[in-house]
Amino acid sequence: MGLCLCVGFKADLKQNDADGYNDYCEIFENVNQALRSAGLPEHNEPDDVARDSFVSMDMYGYSGLHYLRRVAAHLAYTGKLPTPGNDNASDDPLLHRYCKESCNCEKTSGSFLAFFRKPVPRPDFAFNHLVHHSDCEGFYLPTDFESVIFPDPALKVPGEMIGSSVRLLSECERLSKALHIPPDADPEDDDLYFLLDTQGEQQGWRSFGVESFTCVRLMHACQMSIRSGAALVFA
């Protein structure tokens, strides 16, 4: 069990799961309602995606994202790479600080919801689309918008956060350069898998095995999302 990156998810459902396809048609209608509420254009999720743009790839469980988010937080505050991460990456103090300080809090409207506070990512922080998103479900859309969208919970959008695959790609490209990952790194290369078993044991970017694996795969999925016009789905 773990996080899977999918591009062409709805198109695949259309061919293989009629009930699931109908469910996701409704979900994308709710996504569009959230976009309209945010003053953004609607997303038209394609029913057909070319095979060379289709993505279905596993990540490093659910924790791999936290390894990369930790790197982002350290770069944001210190301008330097941390040591390679470990299973405690999600508990890193600078990552917790980033999550806290990169969000303002605004009271939501409505008599019941007014008792709660809704996070609003601040656009002056550099890695919001990577950090402010579920690590297990949700959407990144091939549209360039500044801040992650937090839909009304009543819409029941999976993950309750909508990011931009355009912005996520830009953030991951910045992290890739900081880690010195080769620009031609292949997300399916066996060598990239090997690095997962040697975390912290090699030199340079190879010592950041989980971070590099996560970054390369996210970049590839974002590129395919932008090319195809289909959402990057966390599933």
Protein backbone atom coordinates (compact mmCIF):
# COMPACT_ATOMS: atom_id res chain seq x y z
CA MET A 1 0.00 0.00 0.00
CA GLY A 2 1.19 3.51 -0.79
CA LEU A 3 0.78 6.60 -2.90
CA CYS A 4 0.28 6.16 -6.66
CA LEU A 5 0.67 8.97 -9.19
CA CYS A 6 -1.88 8.81 -12.02
CA VAL A 7 -2.36 10.88 -15.16
CA GLY A 8 -5.30 9.79 -17.30
CA PHE A 9 -7.13 8.34 -14.33
CA LYS A 10 -10.62 9.23 -15.54
CA ALA A 11 -9.81 8.07 -19.08
CA ASP A 12 -8.71 4.71 -17.70
CA LEU A 13 -11.91 4.42 -15.66
CA LYS A 14 -13.98 5.07 -18.79
CA GLN A 15 -12.49 2.00 -20.41
CA ASN A 16 -12.39 -0.28 -17.38
CA ASP A 17 -14.83 0.80 -14.66
CA ALA A 18 -18.13 2.40 -15.68
CA ASP A 19 -19.27 3.00 -12.10
CA GLY A 20 -15.93 4.51 -11.14
CA TYR A 21 -16.02 6.69 -14.25
CA ASN A 22 -19.45 8.08 -13.29
CA ASP A 23 -18.22 8.75 -9.77
CA TYR A 24 -15.25 10.72 -11.06
CA CYS A 25 -17.39 12.71 -13.48
CA GLU A 26 -19.25 13.94 -10.40
CA ILE A 27 -16.03 14.55 -8.49
CA PHE A 28 -14.63 16.69 -11.31
CA GLU A 29 -17.86 18.68 -11.34
CA ASN A 30 -17.22 19.40 -7.67
CA VAL A 31 -13.62 20.32 -8.49
CA ASN A 32 -14.95 22.82 -11.02
CA GLN A 33 -17.30 24.26 -8.46
CA ALA A 34 -14.29 24.85 -6.20
CA LEU A 35 -12.44 26.48 -9.10
CA ARG A 36 -15.35 28.79 -9.85
CA SER A 37 -15.51 29.78 -6.19
CA ALA A 38 -11.80 30.65 -6.37
CA GLY A 39 -12.37 32.77 -9.50
CA LEU A 40 -10.51 30.33 -11.75
CA PRO A 41 -11.50 28.75 -15.07
CA GLU A 42 -13.00 25.28 -15.03
CA HIS A 43 -10.95 22.18 -15.74
CA ASN A 44 -12.06 19.91 -18.58
CA GLU A 45 -10.73 16.47 -17.68
CA PRO A 46 -10.20 14.49 -20.92
CA ASP A 47 -11.86 11.13 -21.49
CA ASP A 48 -8.98 10.03 -23.69
CA VAL A 49 -5.27 10.32 -22.95
CA ALA A 50 -2.51 9.15 -25.30
CA ARG A 51 -0.61 6.12 -24.03
CA ASP A 52 2.68 8.02 -24.03
CA SER A 53 1.16 10.58 -21.65
CA PHE A 54 -0.58 8.09 -19.37
CA VAL A 55 1.02 7.70 -15.94
CA SER A 56 0.51 5.13 -13.22
CA MET A 57 3.53 4.85 -10.95
CA ASP A 58 4.08 4.04 -7.31
CA MET A 59 5.89 6.36 -4.94
CA TYR A 60 7.94 5.57 -1.84
CA GLY A 61 4.94 4.59 0.28
CA TYR A 62 3.16 7.62 1.70
CA SER A 63 6.29 8.96 3.38
CA GLY A 64 8.45 9.82 0.36
CA LEU A 65 6.75 13.18 -0.06
CA HIS A 66 7.80 14.18 3.46
CA TYR A 67 11.46 13.52 2.64
CA LEU A 68 11.22 15.98 -0.26
CA ARG A 69 9.11 18.48 1.70
CA ARG A 70 11.79 18.49 4.39
CA VAL A 71 14.40 19.46 1.77
CA ALA A 72 12.10 22.24 0.57
CA ALA A 73 11.69 23.62 4.10
CA HIS A 74 15.44 23.63 4.74
CA LEU A 75 16.13 25.42 1.45
CA ALA A 76 13.41 27.95 2.23
CA TYR A 77 14.88 28.86 5.63
CA THR A 78 18.61 28.20 5.33
CA GLY A 79 19.33 28.12 1.60
CA LYS A 80 21.20 24.86 2.20
CA LEU A 81 20.46 21.17 1.81
CA PRO A 82 19.92 19.18 5.00
CA THR A 83 21.47 15.77 5.54
CA PRO A 84 19.59 12.95 3.75
CA GLY A 85 16.27 12.22 5.40
CA ASN A 86 15.06 9.21 7.33
CA ASP A 87 11.78 7.82 8.60
CA ASN A 88 11.43 10.85 10.88
CA ALA A 89 11.39 13.31 7.98
CA SER A 90 7.80 14.35 8.66
CA ASP A 91 8.77 15.41 12.19
CA ASP A 92 11.53 17.78 11.08
CA PRO A 93 11.25 21.08 13.04
CA LEU A 94 11.86 23.27 9.98
CA LEU A 95 9.18 21.40 8.02
CA HIS A 96 6.73 21.98 10.88
CA ARG A 97 7.74 25.64 10.94
CA TYR A 98 7.21 25.93 7.18
CA CYS A 99 3.74 24.39 7.43
CA LYS A 100 2.81 26.81 10.19
CA GLU A 101 4.32 30.02 8.84
CA SER A 102 3.41 29.53 5.18
CA CYS A 103 -0.29 29.59 6.00
CA ASN A 104 -2.43 32.45 7.13
CA CYS A 105 -5.67 31.56 8.86
CA GLU A 106 -8.99 33.03 7.83
CA LYS A 107 -12.33 32.33 9.44
CA THR A 108 -14.67 30.55 7.07
CA SER A 109 -18.15 31.92 6.53
CA GLY A 110 -21.39 30.32 7.70
CA SER A 111 -22.88 29.91 11.16
CA PHE A 112 -21.36 26.47 11.83
CA LEU A 113 -18.11 26.70 9.87
CA ALA A 114 -17.34 30.08 11.44
CA PHE A 115 -16.13 28.23 14.51
CA PHE A 116 -13.28 26.74 12.48
CA ARG A 117 -10.30 28.36 10.86
CA LYS A 118 -9.39 27.67 7.27
CA PRO A 119 -5.70 27.61 6.18
CA VAL A 120 -4.80 29.88 3.28
CA PRO A 121 -1.30 29.27 1.85
CA ARG A 122 0.77 32.44 1.56
CA PRO A 123 2.03 32.98 -2.02
CA ASP A 124 5.37 34.38 -0.83
CA PHE A 125 6.51 30.91 0.24
CA ALA A 126 8.24 29.00 -2.54
CA PHE A 127 7.04 25.40 -2.15
CA ASN A 128 3.37 25.64 -1.25
CA HIS A 129 2.04 23.30 -3.93
CA LEU A 130 4.39 20.56 -2.76
CA VAL A 131 3.86 21.08 0.96
CA HIS A 132 0.19 22.07 1.20
CA HIS A 133 -1.39 18.98 -0.29
CA SER A 134 -2.53 15.59 0.90
CA ASP A 135 0.10 12.86 0.84
CA CYS A 136 -2.43 10.17 -0.11
CA GLU A 137 -5.19 11.58 -2.38
CA GLY A 138 -6.25 14.62 -4.36
CA PHE A 139 -5.57 16.53 -7.55
CA TYR A 140 -3.04 18.71 -9.29
CA LEU A 141 -4.54 20.42 -12.34
CA PRO A 142 -2.62 21.49 -15.49
CA THR A 143 -3.51 25.13 -14.86
CA ASP A 144 -1.22 27.82 -13.48
CA PHE A 145 -2.67 29.32 -10.31
CA GLU A 146 -0.86 30.85 -7.38
CA SER A 147 -2.23 29.26 -4.22
CA VAL A 148 -3.43 25.76 -3.39
CA ILE A 149 -7.25 25.67 -3.28
CA PHE A 150 -9.06 24.36 -0.21
CA PRO A 151 -12.55 23.38 -1.44
CA ASP A 152 -15.63 23.63 0.72
CA PRO A 153 -15.68 20.32 2.68
CA ALA A 154 -19.29 19.86 1.57
CA LEU A 155 -18.00 19.24 -1.97
CA LYS A 156 -16.17 16.12 -0.76
CA VAL A 157 -13.25 16.62 -3.13
CA PRO A 158 -10.71 13.84 -2.36
CA GLY A 159 -7.82 15.22 -0.34
CA GLU A 160 -9.69 18.52 0.17
CA MET A 161 -6.81 20.36 -1.52
CA ILE A 162 -6.33 21.19 -5.22
CA GLY A 163 -2.88 22.09 -6.51
CA SER A 164 -1.43 23.16 -9.83
CA SER A 165 0.77 20.66 -11.68
CA VAL A 166 2.36 23.69 -13.41
CA ARG A 167 3.44 25.15 -10.06
CA LEU A 168 4.37 21.75 -8.62
CA LEU A 169 6.65 21.11 -11.61
CA SER A 170 8.37 24.46 -11.10
CA GLU A 171 8.89 23.74 -7.41
CA CYS A 172 10.27 20.26 -8.08
CA GLU A 173 12.59 21.58 -10.80
CA ARG A 174 14.03 24.01 -8.25
CA LEU A 175 14.55 21.16 -5.78
CA SER A 176 16.07 18.97 -8.49
CA LYS A 177 18.67 21.65 -9.27
CA ALA A 178 19.47 22.09 -5.58
CA LEU A 179 19.96 18.32 -5.19
CA HIS A 180 21.99 18.23 -8.44
CA ILE A 181 19.83 15.48 -9.91
CA PRO A 182 20.84 14.85 -13.55
CA PRO A 183 18.31 16.55 -15.85
CA ASP A 184 17.89 13.35 -17.87
CA ALA A 185 17.11 11.14 -14.85
CA ASP A 186 14.60 8.46 -15.89
CA PRO A 187 11.73 7.84 -13.42
CA GLU A 188 11.74 4.14 -14.37
CA ASP A 189 15.52 3.63 -14.22
CA ASP A 190 16.54 0.68 -12.05
CA ASP A 191 19.35 2.82 -10.64
CA LEU A 192 16.79 5.19 -9.14
CA TYR A 193 15.11 2.26 -7.38
CA PHE A 194 18.50 1.09 -6.09
CA LEU A 195 19.02 4.44 -4.36
CA LEU A 196 16.01 3.76 -2.15
CA ASP A 197 18.00 0.96 -0.48
CA THR A 198 21.16 3.04 -0.02
CA GLN A 199 19.66 6.20 1.50
CA GLY A 200 22.44 8.37 2.94
CA GLU A 201 25.20 5.95 1.96
CA GLN A 202 26.42 7.38 -1.36
CA GLN A 203 27.71 10.76 -2.53
CA GLY A 204 26.03 13.84 -3.94
CA TRP A 205 22.46 13.53 -5.16
CA ARG A 206 22.68 9.76 -4.87
CA SER A 207 22.82 10.03 -1.10
CA PHE A 208 19.34 11.59 -1.25
CA GLY A 209 17.82 8.41 -2.66
CA VAL A 210 14.22 8.82 -1.48
CA GLU A 211 14.20 12.56 -2.14
CA SER A 212 15.57 12.10 -5.66
CA PHE A 213 13.20 9.23 -6.48
CA THR A 214 10.26 11.32 -5.28
CA CYS A 215 11.35 14.45 -7.12
CA VAL A 216 12.01 12.75 -10.46
CA ARG A 217 8.69 10.91 -10.42
CA LEU A 218 6.73 14.02 -9.47
CA MET A 219 8.36 16.00 -12.28
CA HIS A 220 7.55 13.31 -14.83
CA ALA A 221 3.92 13.10 -13.74
CA CYS A 222 3.57 16.90 -13.83
CA GLN A 223 5.05 17.04 -17.33
CA MET A 224 2.57 14.42 -18.54
CA SER A 225 -0.30 16.26 -16.85
CA ILE A 226 0.61 19.50 -18.62
CA ARG A 227 1.17 17.77 -21.96
CA SER A 228 -2.11 15.82 -21.90
CA GLY A 229 -4.32 18.37 -20.16
CA ALA A 230 -5.29 15.72 -17.60
CA ALA A 231 -5.10 16.05 -13.83
CA LEU A 232 -2.31 14.49 -11.84
CA VAL A 233 -4.25 12.35 -9.39
CA PHE A 234 -2.91 11.14 -6.07
CA ALA A 235 -4.49 7.76 -5.43
